[in-house]
Amino acid sequence: MPPTDLNELLALEQVAPRTFRGQTKPPPARRSYGGEVAAQAICAAGGTVPDDRSLHSAHMIFLLPGDTTLPIDFEVEDVRDGGSFSARRVEARQGDRAIFAMSASYQAPAAGPEHQPELHDGPAPLDSSAPGELFAADSVNRAWADHLADFLDVELRFPYPPVRVPAMRGVAVPARQQVWARTRQTIGSEPVLRDAGVAYLSDMLLLATALGPHRLTLQDERIAFATINHTIWFHAPLRVDEWFRYDQESRWAGRGRALCHGEMYDEAGKLCATTMQEGLVRYR
């Protein structure tokens, strides 16, 4: 049976000592969502790491689009277990096709200097606009937001309109946006599931940020897009079934690619994860 919620999506089947099988969300979408593959890869790798080590970084390359009609096998390689760090390599395959690769690093507990950027002032989640309020007179963007929320099974709140709103009016804006989000379903409390939830939603909206200055959206038929590589640095525990704010910015686009940066804060203002994503964004 195909998975019906995020918890089922993250429940991998172990089919060999270092191979885990994940199910994909059923069609109509034919191409797998990148955050789904990333989250399952983290679950696969996490099951092979000593319990005293926590994930601090994951570097991912998307090789081919995933096919939503087929399961995905995640093959884990034990690269190293040292005194403080463990490293794993994961390859995701569908049949004879390698579609995704990940290098992940885990660290034993350690203490050191601490600092983080200040969370800039902005509306709290319940003071931000729900899609039904923000897009009350905009049926196209209301349908887009409802589809996104239903596809990811999340609640969304927008402190400010996302870049697609002015872009659809032909207005160029800086390549920056913010969204509050939380999953509709409670996610298990195990650290590997918590980190997989972060990976699942880290792909949300990020590449679209780059199109604000160009009066375009990813739904524009003139644009072809795909994630090329994606990195997450995990700084502190973050439960994505509680409200978190995702600040997104793109500092560069060119040569048919765009580079986007994200910061994920919990509701108290702690920076819990940083993301970087390079994507294909080119004219057809």
C-alpha atoms as a PDB file:
ATOM      1  CA  MET A   1       0.000   0.000   0.000  1.00  0.00           C
ATOM      2  CA  PRO A   2       1.333   3.480  -0.821  1.00  0.00           C
ATOM      3  CA  PRO A   3       2.024   5.726   2.190  1.00  0.00           C
ATOM      4  CA  THR A   4      -0.820   7.993   3.274  1.00  0.00           C
ATOM      5  CA  ASP A   5       1.097  10.298   5.632  1.00  0.00           C
ATOM      6  CA  LEU A   6       4.647  11.334   6.519  1.00  0.00           C
ATOM      7  CA  ASN A   7       5.033   8.747   9.283  1.00  0.00           C
ATOM      8  CA  GLU A   8       4.256   5.947   6.838  1.00  0.00           C
ATOM      9  CA  LEU A   9       6.580   7.479   4.268  1.00  0.00           C
ATOM     10  CA  LEU A  10       9.454   7.366   6.765  1.00  0.00           C
ATOM     11  CA  ALA A  11       8.817   3.768   7.840  1.00  0.00           C
ATOM     12  CA  LEU A  12      11.412   1.996   5.692  1.00  0.00           C
ATOM     13  CA  GLU A  13      11.621  -1.764   5.218  1.00  0.00           C
ATOM     14  CA  GLN A  14      15.042  -3.324   5.806  1.00  0.00           C
ATOM     15  CA  VAL A  15      15.623  -5.712   2.901  1.00  0.00           C
ATOM     16  CA  ALA A  16      19.347  -6.440   3.505  1.00  0.00           C
ATOM     17  CA  PRO A  17      21.889  -5.573   6.244  1.00  0.00           C
ATOM     18  CA  ARG A  18      22.586  -2.145   4.676  1.00  0.00           C
ATOM     19  CA  THR A  19      19.672  -1.767   2.245  1.00  0.00           C
ATOM     20  CA  PHE A  20      16.339  -0.147   3.092  1.00  0.00           C
ATOM     21  CA  ARG A  21      13.246   0.195   0.902  1.00  0.00           C
ATOM     22  CA  GLY A  22      10.976   3.216   0.909  1.00  0.00           C
ATOM     23  CA  GLN A  23       7.591   3.628  -0.718  1.00  0.00           C
ATOM     24  CA  THR A  24       6.725   6.705  -2.750  1.00  0.00           C
ATOM     25  CA  LYS A  25       3.654   8.865  -2.733  1.00  0.00           C
ATOM     26  CA  PRO A  26       1.204   7.654  -5.360  1.00  0.00           C
ATOM     27  CA  PRO A  27       0.503   9.487  -8.657  1.00  0.00           C
ATOM     28  CA  PRO A  28      -0.866  11.773 -10.158  1.00  0.00           C
ATOM     29  CA  ALA A  29       2.596  13.335  -9.708  1.00  0.00           C
ATOM     30  CA  ARG A  30       5.016  11.228 -11.758  1.00  0.00           C
ATOM     31  CA  ARG A  31       8.236  12.816 -10.452  1.00  0.00           C
ATOM     32  CA  SER A  32       9.168  12.245  -6.804  1.00  0.00           C
ATOM     33  CA  TYR A  33       9.367  15.239  -4.473  1.00  0.00           C
ATOM     34  CA  GLY A  34      13.025  15.820  -3.556  1.00  0.00           C
ATOM     35  CA  GLY A  35      12.366  16.286   0.153  1.00  0.00           C
ATOM     36  CA  GLU A  36      10.701  12.871   0.264  1.00  0.00           C
ATOM     37  CA  VAL A  37      13.793  11.097  -1.114  1.00  0.00           C
ATOM     38  CA  ALA A  38      16.093  13.117   1.189  1.00  0.00           C
ATOM     39  CA  ALA A  39      14.024  12.264   4.261  1.00  0.00           C
ATOM     40  CA  GLN A  40      14.030   8.553   3.484  1.00  0.00           C
ATOM     41  CA  ALA A  41      17.799   8.596   2.871  1.00  0.00           C
ATOM     42  CA  ILE A  42      18.307  10.116   6.313  1.00  0.00           C
ATOM     43  CA  CYS A  43      16.154   7.391   7.861  1.00  0.00           C
ATOM     44  CA  ALA A  44      18.190   4.740   6.064  1.00  0.00           C
ATOM     45  CA  ALA A  45      21.555   6.151   7.161  1.00  0.00           C
ATOM     46  CA  GLY A  46      20.402   6.873  10.702  1.00  0.00           C
ATOM     47  CA  GLY A  47      19.569   3.243  11.312  1.00  0.00           C
ATOM     48  CA  THR A  48      23.250   2.303  10.938  1.00  0.00           C
ATOM     49  CA  VAL A  49      24.859   4.902  13.246  1.00  0.00           C
ATOM     50  CA  PRO A  50      25.783   4.522  16.955  1.00  0.00           C
ATOM     51  CA  ASP A  51      23.060   5.876  19.251  1.00  0.00           C
ATOM     52  CA  ASP A  52      25.317   8.531  20.809  1.00  0.00           C
ATOM     53  CA  ARG A  53      25.862  10.349  17.469  1.00  0.00           C
ATOM     54  CA  SER A  54      23.590  12.981  15.993  1.00  0.00           C
ATOM     55  CA  LEU A  55      23.323  14.102  12.391  1.00  0.00           C
ATOM     56  CA  HIS A  56      25.041  17.431  11.779  1.00  0.00           C
ATOM     57  CA  SER A  57      25.243  17.623   7.971  1.00  0.00           C
ATOM     58  CA  ALA A  58      23.841  15.940   4.885  1.00  0.00           C
ATOM     59  CA  HIS A  59      25.038  16.684   1.354  1.00  0.00           C
ATOM     60  CA  MET A  60      22.776  15.425  -1.413  1.00  0.00           C
ATOM     61  CA  ILE A  61      22.958  15.145  -5.197  1.00  0.00           C
ATOM     62  CA  PHE A  62      19.829  14.537  -7.247  1.00  0.00           C
ATOM     63  CA  LEU A  63      20.901  12.452 -10.240  1.00  0.00           C
ATOM     64  CA  LEU A  64      17.629  11.553 -11.946  1.00  0.00           C
ATOM     65  CA  PRO A  65      13.955  12.243 -11.266  1.00  0.00           C
ATOM     66  CA  GLY A  66      12.379   9.614  -9.028  1.00  0.00           C
ATOM     67  CA  ASP A  67       9.445   7.618 -10.414  1.00  0.00           C
ATOM     68  CA  THR A  68       6.431   7.692  -8.082  1.00  0.00           C
ATOM     69  CA  THR A  69       5.180   4.352  -9.406  1.00  0.00           C
ATOM     70  CA  LEU A  70       8.202   2.458  -8.029  1.00  0.00           C
ATOM     71  CA  PRO A  71       9.695   1.890  -4.556  1.00  0.00           C
ATOM     72  CA  ILE A  72      13.191   3.243  -3.831  1.00  0.00           C
ATOM     73  CA  ASP A  73      16.041   1.159  -2.411  1.00  0.00           C
ATOM     74  CA  PHE A  74      18.563   3.003  -0.228  1.00  0.00           C
ATOM     75  CA  GLU A  75      21.979   1.329  -0.023  1.00  0.00           C
ATOM     76  CA  VAL A  76      24.083   2.549   2.932  1.00  0.00           C
ATOM     77  CA  GLU A  77      27.880   2.392   3.019  1.00  0.00           C
ATOM     78  CA  ASP A  78      29.711   2.706   6.340  1.00  0.00           C
ATOM     79  CA  VAL A  79      32.479   5.149   5.426  1.00  0.00           C
ATOM     80  CA  ARG A  80      33.980   5.664   8.884  1.00  0.00           C
ATOM     81  CA  ASP A  81      33.298   5.500  12.618  1.00  0.00           C
ATOM     82  CA  GLY A  82      35.897   7.587  14.420  1.00  0.00           C
ATOM     83  CA  GLY A  83      36.285   8.797  17.988  1.00  0.00           C
ATOM     84  CA  SER A  84      33.942  11.773  17.493  1.00  0.00           C
ATOM     85  CA  PHE A  85      32.423  11.486  14.017  1.00  0.00           C
ATOM     86  CA  SER A  86      30.722   8.871  11.861  1.00  0.00           C
ATOM     87  CA  ALA A  87      30.252   9.145   8.099  1.00  0.00           C
ATOM     88  CA  ARG A  88      27.778   7.355   5.861  1.00  0.00           C
ATOM     89  CA  ARG A  89      27.193   7.325   2.130  1.00  0.00           C
ATOM     90  CA  VAL A  90      23.749   6.514   0.728  1.00  0.00           C
ATOM     91  CA  GLU A  91      22.749   5.724  -2.843  1.00  0.00           C
ATOM     92  CA  ALA A  92      19.094   5.579  -3.821  1.00  0.00           C
ATOM     93  CA  ARG A  93      18.152   3.301  -6.685  1.00  0.00           C
ATOM     94  CA  GLN A  94      15.041   2.411  -8.631  1.00  0.00           C
ATOM     95  CA  GLY A  95      15.780  -0.770 -10.534  1.00  0.00           C
ATOM     96  CA  ASP A  96      19.109  -0.260 -12.304  1.00  0.00           C
ATOM     97  CA  ARG A  97      18.909   3.553 -12.050  1.00  0.00           C
ATOM     98  CA  ALA A  98      20.795   5.506  -9.395  1.00  0.00           C
ATOM     99  CA  ILE A  99      18.586   8.549  -8.778  1.00  0.00           C
ATOM    100  CA  PHE A 100      20.157  10.148  -5.674  1.00  0.00           C
ATOM    101  CA  ALA A 101      23.307  10.124  -3.542  1.00  0.00           C
ATOM    102  CA  MET A 102      23.971  11.481  -0.053  1.00  0.00           C
ATOM    103  CA  SER A 103      26.984  11.889   2.236  1.00  0.00           C
ATOM    104  CA  ALA A 104      26.004  12.328   5.885  1.00  0.00           C
ATOM    105  CA  SER A 105      28.118  13.086   8.948  1.00  0.00           C
ATOM    106  CA  TYR A 106      27.252  12.390  12.578  1.00  0.00           C
ATOM    107  CA  GLN A 107      28.905  13.744  15.732  1.00  0.00           C
ATOM    108  CA  ALA A 108      29.182  12.588  19.330  1.00  0.00           C
ATOM    109  CA  PRO A 109      28.139  15.214  21.938  1.00  0.00           C
ATOM    110  CA  ALA A 110      30.640  18.078  22.329  1.00  0.00           C
ATOM    111  CA  ALA A 111      30.750  21.588  23.805  1.00  0.00           C
ATOM    112  CA  GLY A 112      32.127  24.778  22.242  1.00  0.00           C
ATOM    113  CA  PRO A 113      31.459  28.497  21.665  1.00  0.00           C
ATOM    114  CA  GLU A 114      27.925  29.329  20.582  1.00  0.00           C
ATOM    115  CA  HIS A 115      26.358  32.142  18.559  1.00  0.00           C
ATOM    116  CA  GLN A 116      23.652  32.561  15.934  1.00  0.00           C
ATOM    117  CA  PRO A 117      22.033  35.388  13.942  1.00  0.00           C
ATOM    118  CA  GLU A 118      19.216  37.289  15.575  1.00  0.00           C
ATOM    119  CA  LEU A 119      15.788  36.358  14.323  1.00  0.00           C
ATOM    120  CA  HIS A 120      14.554  39.494  12.582  1.00  0.00           C
ATOM    121  CA  ASP A 121      11.263  40.894  13.799  1.00  0.00           C
ATOM    122  CA  GLY A 122       8.216  39.628  12.012  1.00  0.00           C
ATOM    123  CA  PRO A 123       4.739  38.302  12.656  1.00  0.00           C
ATOM    124  CA  ALA A 124       4.394  35.164  14.771  1.00  0.00           C
ATOM    125  CA  PRO A 125       2.768  32.176  13.056  1.00  0.00           C
ATOM    126  CA  LEU A 126      -0.742  32.847  14.304  1.00  0.00           C
ATOM    127  CA  ASP A 127      -0.344  36.539  13.441  1.00  0.00           C
ATOM    128  CA  SER A 128       0.666  35.653   9.884  1.00  0.00           C
ATOM    129  CA  SER A 129      -1.800  35.107   7.077  1.00  0.00           C
ATOM    130  CA  ALA A 130      -3.262  31.704   6.359  1.00  0.00           C
ATOM    131  CA  PRO A 131      -3.632  31.022   2.606  1.00  0.00           C
ATOM    132  CA  GLY A 132      -7.388  31.469   2.790  1.00  0.00           C
ATOM    133  CA  GLU A 133      -6.910  34.978   4.177  1.00  0.00           C
ATOM    134  CA  LEU A 134      -3.941  36.039   2.074  1.00  0.00           C
ATOM    135  CA  PHE A 135      -5.480  34.767  -1.160  1.00  0.00           C
ATOM    136  CA  ALA A 136      -9.151  35.431  -0.430  1.00  0.00           C
ATOM    137  CA  ALA A 137      -9.516  37.389  -3.686  1.00  0.00           C
ATOM    138  CA  ASP A 138      -6.888  35.455  -5.658  1.00  0.00           C
ATOM    139  CA  SER A 139      -8.211  32.077  -6.774  1.00  0.00           C
ATOM    140  CA  VAL A 140      -5.068  31.083  -8.687  1.00  0.00           C
ATOM    141  CA  ASN A 141      -2.693  31.550  -5.753  1.00  0.00           C
ATOM    142  CA  ARG A 142      -5.268  30.120  -3.348  1.00  0.00           C
ATOM    143  CA  ALA A 143      -5.365  26.936  -5.440  1.00  0.00           C
ATOM    144  CA  TRP A 144      -1.545  26.850  -5.542  1.00  0.00           C
ATOM    145  CA  ALA A 145      -1.229  27.244  -1.753  1.00  0.00           C
ATOM    146  CA  ASP A 146      -3.953  24.671  -1.053  1.00  0.00           C
ATOM    147  CA  HIS A 147      -2.295  22.171  -3.382  1.00  0.00           C
ATOM    148  CA  LEU A 148       1.119  22.724  -1.756  1.00  0.00           C
ATOM    149  CA  ALA A 149      -0.298  22.302   1.749  1.00  0.00           C
ATOM    150  CA  ASP A 150      -2.231  19.167   0.806  1.00  0.00           C
ATOM    151  CA  PHE A 151       0.680  17.631  -1.113  1.00  0.00           C
ATOM    152  CA  LEU A 152       3.081  18.118   1.815  1.00  0.00           C
ATOM    153  CA  ASP A 153       0.361  17.586   4.468  1.00  0.00           C
ATOM    154  CA  VAL A 154       1.292  20.832   6.239  1.00  0.00           C
ATOM    155  CA  GLU A 155      -0.246  24.001   7.576  1.00  0.00           C
ATOM    156  CA  LEU A 156       1.204  27.197   6.105  1.00  0.00           C
ATOM    157  CA  ARG A 157       1.248  30.808   7.255  1.00  0.00           C
ATOM    158  CA  PHE A 158       2.842  33.675   5.332  1.00  0.00           C
ATOM    159  CA  PRO A 159       4.269  36.698   7.200  1.00  0.00           C
ATOM    160  CA  TYR A 160       4.439  38.426   3.802  1.00  0.00           C
ATOM    161  CA  PRO A 161       3.241  37.386   0.330  1.00  0.00           C
ATOM    162  CA  PRO A 162       5.624  34.871  -1.308  1.00  0.00           C
ATOM    163  CA  VAL A 163       7.611  36.048  -4.323  1.00  0.00           C
ATOM    164  CA  ARG A 164       5.230  34.351  -6.751  1.00  0.00           C
ATOM    165  CA  VAL A 165       2.462  36.827  -5.896  1.00  0.00           C
ATOM    166  CA  PRO A 166       4.142  40.005  -7.242  1.00  0.00           C
ATOM    167  CA  ALA A 167       5.818  37.961 -10.001  1.00  0.00           C
ATOM    168  CA  MET A 168       2.419  36.969 -11.355  1.00  0.00           C
ATOM    169  CA  ARG A 169       1.522  40.677 -11.493  1.00  0.00           C
ATOM    170  CA  GLY A 170       4.698  41.433 -13.456  1.00  0.00           C
ATOM    171  CA  VAL A 171       6.430  43.063 -10.483  1.00  0.00           C
ATOM    172  CA  ALA A 172      10.086  42.286  -9.702  1.00  0.00           C
ATOM    173  CA  VAL A 173      10.940  41.860  -6.009  1.00  0.00           C
ATOM    174  CA  PRO A 174      14.078  40.833  -4.087  1.00  0.00           C
ATOM    175  CA  ALA A 175      14.758  37.093  -3.997  1.00  0.00           C
ATOM    176  CA  ARG A 176      13.629  36.675  -0.376  1.00  0.00           C
ATOM    177  CA  GLN A 177      10.603  35.112   1.301  1.00  0.00           C
ATOM    178  CA  GLN A 178       9.440  33.637   4.611  1.00  0.00           C
ATOM    179  CA  VAL A 179       6.941  30.980   5.559  1.00  0.00           C
ATOM    180  CA  TRP A 180       5.746  29.481   8.835  1.00  0.00           C
ATOM    181  CA  ALA A 181       4.912  25.788   8.576  1.00  0.00           C
ATOM    182  CA  ARG A 182       4.121  22.693  10.601  1.00  0.00           C
ATOM    183  CA  THR A 183       3.010  19.217   9.618  1.00  0.00           C
ATOM    184  CA  ARG A 184      -0.622  18.304  10.171  1.00  0.00           C
ATOM    185  CA  GLN A 185       0.390  14.928  11.605  1.00  0.00           C
ATOM    186  CA  THR A 186       2.507  14.415  14.726  1.00  0.00           C
ATOM    187  CA  ILE A 187       5.889  12.912  13.884  1.00  0.00           C
ATOM    188  CA  GLY A 188       7.633  10.350  16.079  1.00  0.00           C
ATOM    189  CA  SER A 189      10.060  11.708  18.674  1.00  0.00           C
ATOM    190  CA  GLU A 190      13.074   9.614  17.630  1.00  0.00           C
ATOM    191  CA  PRO A 191      15.977  11.847  16.499  1.00  0.00           C
ATOM    192  CA  VAL A 192      16.182  10.177  13.080  1.00  0.00           C
ATOM    193  CA  LEU A 193      12.491  10.901  12.402  1.00  0.00           C
ATOM    194  CA  ARG A 194      12.877  14.468  13.643  1.00  0.00           C
ATOM    195  CA  ASP A 195      15.825  15.035  11.273  1.00  0.00           C
ATOM    196  CA  ALA A 196      14.003  13.339   8.416  1.00  0.00           C
ATOM    197  CA  GLY A 197      11.086  15.725   8.944  1.00  0.00           C
ATOM    198  CA  VAL A 198      13.475  18.665   8.610  1.00  0.00           C
ATOM    199  CA  ALA A 199      14.849  17.210   5.373  1.00  0.00           C
ATOM    200  CA  TYR A 200      11.339  16.594   4.054  1.00  0.00           C
ATOM    201  CA  LEU A 201      10.317  20.239   4.395  1.00  0.00           C
ATOM    202  CA  SER A 202      13.714  21.792   3.658  1.00  0.00           C
ATOM    203  CA  ASP A 203      12.987  21.494  -0.080  1.00  0.00           C
ATOM    204  CA  MET A 204       9.701  23.396   0.251  1.00  0.00           C
ATOM    205  CA  LEU A 205       9.572  26.626  -1.832  1.00  0.00           C
ATOM    206  CA  LEU A 206      13.351  27.095  -1.700  1.00  0.00           C
ATOM    207  CA  LEU A 207      14.181  27.141  -5.413  1.00  0.00           C
ATOM    208  CA  ALA A 208      11.182  29.347  -6.207  1.00  0.00           C
ATOM    209  CA  THR A 209      12.819  32.151  -4.212  1.00  0.00           C
ATOM    210  CA  ALA A 210      15.274  32.792  -7.055  1.00  0.00           C
ATOM    211  CA  LEU A 211      12.547  33.894  -9.471  1.00  0.00           C
ATOM    212  CA  GLY A 212      11.344  36.969  -7.556  1.00  0.00           C
ATOM    213  CA  PRO A 213      13.586  39.457  -9.424  1.00  0.00           C
ATOM    214  CA  HIS A 214      12.641  37.937 -12.800  1.00  0.00           C
ATOM    215  CA  ARG A 215       8.826  38.170 -12.637  1.00  0.00           C
ATOM    216  CA  LEU A 216       8.588  34.400 -13.081  1.00  0.00           C
ATOM    217  CA  THR A 217       7.259  31.402 -11.160  1.00  0.00           C
ATOM    218  CA  LEU A 218       8.199  27.726 -11.310  1.00  0.00           C
ATOM    219  CA  GLN A 219       4.777  27.078 -12.827  1.00  0.00           C
ATOM    220  CA  ASP A 220       5.594  29.311 -15.826  1.00  0.00           C
ATOM    221  CA  GLU A 221       5.619  27.117 -18.929  1.00  0.00           C
ATOM    222  CA  ARG A 222       8.733  28.945 -20.156  1.00  0.00           C
ATOM    223  CA  ILE A 223      10.790  27.605 -17.207  1.00  0.00           C
ATOM    224  CA  ALA A 224      12.359  24.176 -16.692  1.00  0.00           C
ATOM    225  CA  PHE A 225      13.552  23.470 -13.146  1.00  0.00           C
ATOM    226  CA  ALA A 226      14.977  20.688 -10.993  1.00  0.00           C
ATOM    227  CA  THR A 227      17.077  20.397  -7.843  1.00  0.00           C
ATOM    228  CA  ILE A 228      20.727  19.555  -8.585  1.00  0.00           C
ATOM    229  CA  ASN A 229      22.195  19.434  -5.098  1.00  0.00           C
ATOM    230  CA  HIS A 230      20.968  20.207  -1.606  1.00  0.00           C
ATOM    231  CA  THR A 231      22.764  20.497   1.731  1.00  0.00           C
ATOM    232  CA  ILE A 232      21.409  20.706   5.275  1.00  0.00           C
ATOM    233  CA  TRP A 233      23.407  21.574   8.379  1.00  0.00           C
ATOM    234  CA  PHE A 234      21.582  20.531  11.555  1.00  0.00           C
ATOM    235  CA  HIS A 235      22.344  22.873  14.473  1.00  0.00           C
ATOM    236  CA  ALA A 236      19.690  22.059  17.080  1.00  0.00           C
ATOM    237  CA  PRO A 237      16.673  19.740  17.373  1.00  0.00           C
ATOM    238  CA  LEU A 238      13.672  20.964  15.393  1.00  0.00           C
ATOM    239  CA  ARG A 239      10.232  19.390  15.451  1.00  0.00           C
ATOM    240  CA  VAL A 240       8.460  20.192  12.194  1.00  0.00           C
ATOM    241  CA  ASP A 241       5.118  19.178  13.710  1.00  0.00           C
ATOM    242  CA  GLU A 242       5.421  22.439  15.688  1.00  0.00           C
ATOM    243  CA  TRP A 243       5.527  25.881  14.084  1.00  0.00           C
ATOM    244  CA  PHE A 244       8.891  26.807  12.545  1.00  0.00           C
ATOM    245  CA  ARG A 245       9.897  29.718  10.326  1.00  0.00           C
ATOM    246  CA  TYR A 246      11.776  29.144   7.103  1.00  0.00           C
ATOM    247  CA  ASP A 247      13.645  32.228   5.846  1.00  0.00           C
ATOM    248  CA  GLN A 248      14.774  31.869   2.231  1.00  0.00           C
ATOM    249  CA  GLU A 249      17.015  33.933  -0.025  1.00  0.00           C
ATOM    250  CA  SER A 250      18.758  33.584  -3.377  1.00  0.00           C
ATOM    251  CA  ARG A 251      21.974  35.570  -3.830  1.00  0.00           C
ATOM    252  CA  TRP A 252      22.812  34.364  -7.359  1.00  0.00           C
ATOM    253  CA  ALA A 253      21.328  32.946 -10.529  1.00  0.00           C
ATOM    254  CA  GLY A 254      22.952  32.485 -13.922  1.00  0.00           C
ATOM    255  CA  ARG A 255      24.017  30.001 -16.601  1.00  0.00           C
ATOM    256  CA  GLY A 256      20.746  28.130 -16.177  1.00  0.00           C
ATOM    257  CA  ARG A 257      21.212  27.585 -12.426  1.00  0.00           C
ATOM    258  CA  ALA A 258      20.213  29.298  -9.190  1.00  0.00           C
ATOM    259  CA  LEU A 259      21.688  29.118  -5.686  1.00  0.00           C
ATOM    260  CA  CYS A 260      19.339  29.459  -2.712  1.00  0.00           C
ATOM    261  CA  HIS A 261      19.966  29.683   1.037  1.00  0.00           C
ATOM    262  CA  GLY A 262      17.568  28.945   3.883  1.00  0.00           C
ATOM    263  CA  GLU A 263      17.437  29.191   7.665  1.00  0.00           C
ATOM    264  CA  MET A 264      14.944  27.223   9.761  1.00  0.00           C
ATOM    265  CA  TYR A 265      14.056  28.722  13.178  1.00  0.00           C
ATOM    266  CA  ASP A 266      11.836  27.287  15.871  1.00  0.00           C
ATOM    267  CA  GLU A 267       9.085  29.447  17.329  1.00  0.00           C
ATOM    268  CA  ALA A 268      11.391  30.599  20.155  1.00  0.00           C
ATOM    269  CA  GLY A 269      13.866  32.000  17.601  1.00  0.00           C
ATOM    270  CA  LYS A 270      16.591  29.333  17.783  1.00  0.00           C
ATOM    271  CA  LEU A 271      18.362  28.654  14.503  1.00  0.00           C
ATOM    272  CA  CYS A 272      17.950  24.901  14.088  1.00  0.00           C
ATOM    273  CA  ALA A 273      19.051  24.234  10.505  1.00  0.00           C
ATOM    274  CA  THR A 274      20.707  25.946   7.553  1.00  0.00           C
ATOM    275  CA  THR A 275      20.122  24.865   3.953  1.00  0.00           C
ATOM    276  CA  MET A 276      21.762  25.523   0.594  1.00  0.00           C
ATOM    277  CA  GLN A 277      20.325  24.392  -2.686  1.00  0.00           C
ATOM    278  CA  GLU A 278      21.541  24.653  -6.259  1.00  0.00           C
ATOM    279  CA  GLY A 279      18.906  24.075  -8.860  1.00  0.00           C
ATOM    280  CA  LEU A 280      18.425  23.999 -12.594  1.00  0.00           C
ATOM    281  CA  VAL A 281      16.401  27.079 -13.588  1.00  0.00           C
ATOM    282  CA  ARG A 282      16.561  27.657 -17.320  1.00  0.00           C
ATOM    283  CA  TYR A 283      14.418  28.735 -20.210  1.00  0.00           C
ATOM    284  CA  ARG A 284      12.925  25.908 -22.194  1.00  0.00           C
END
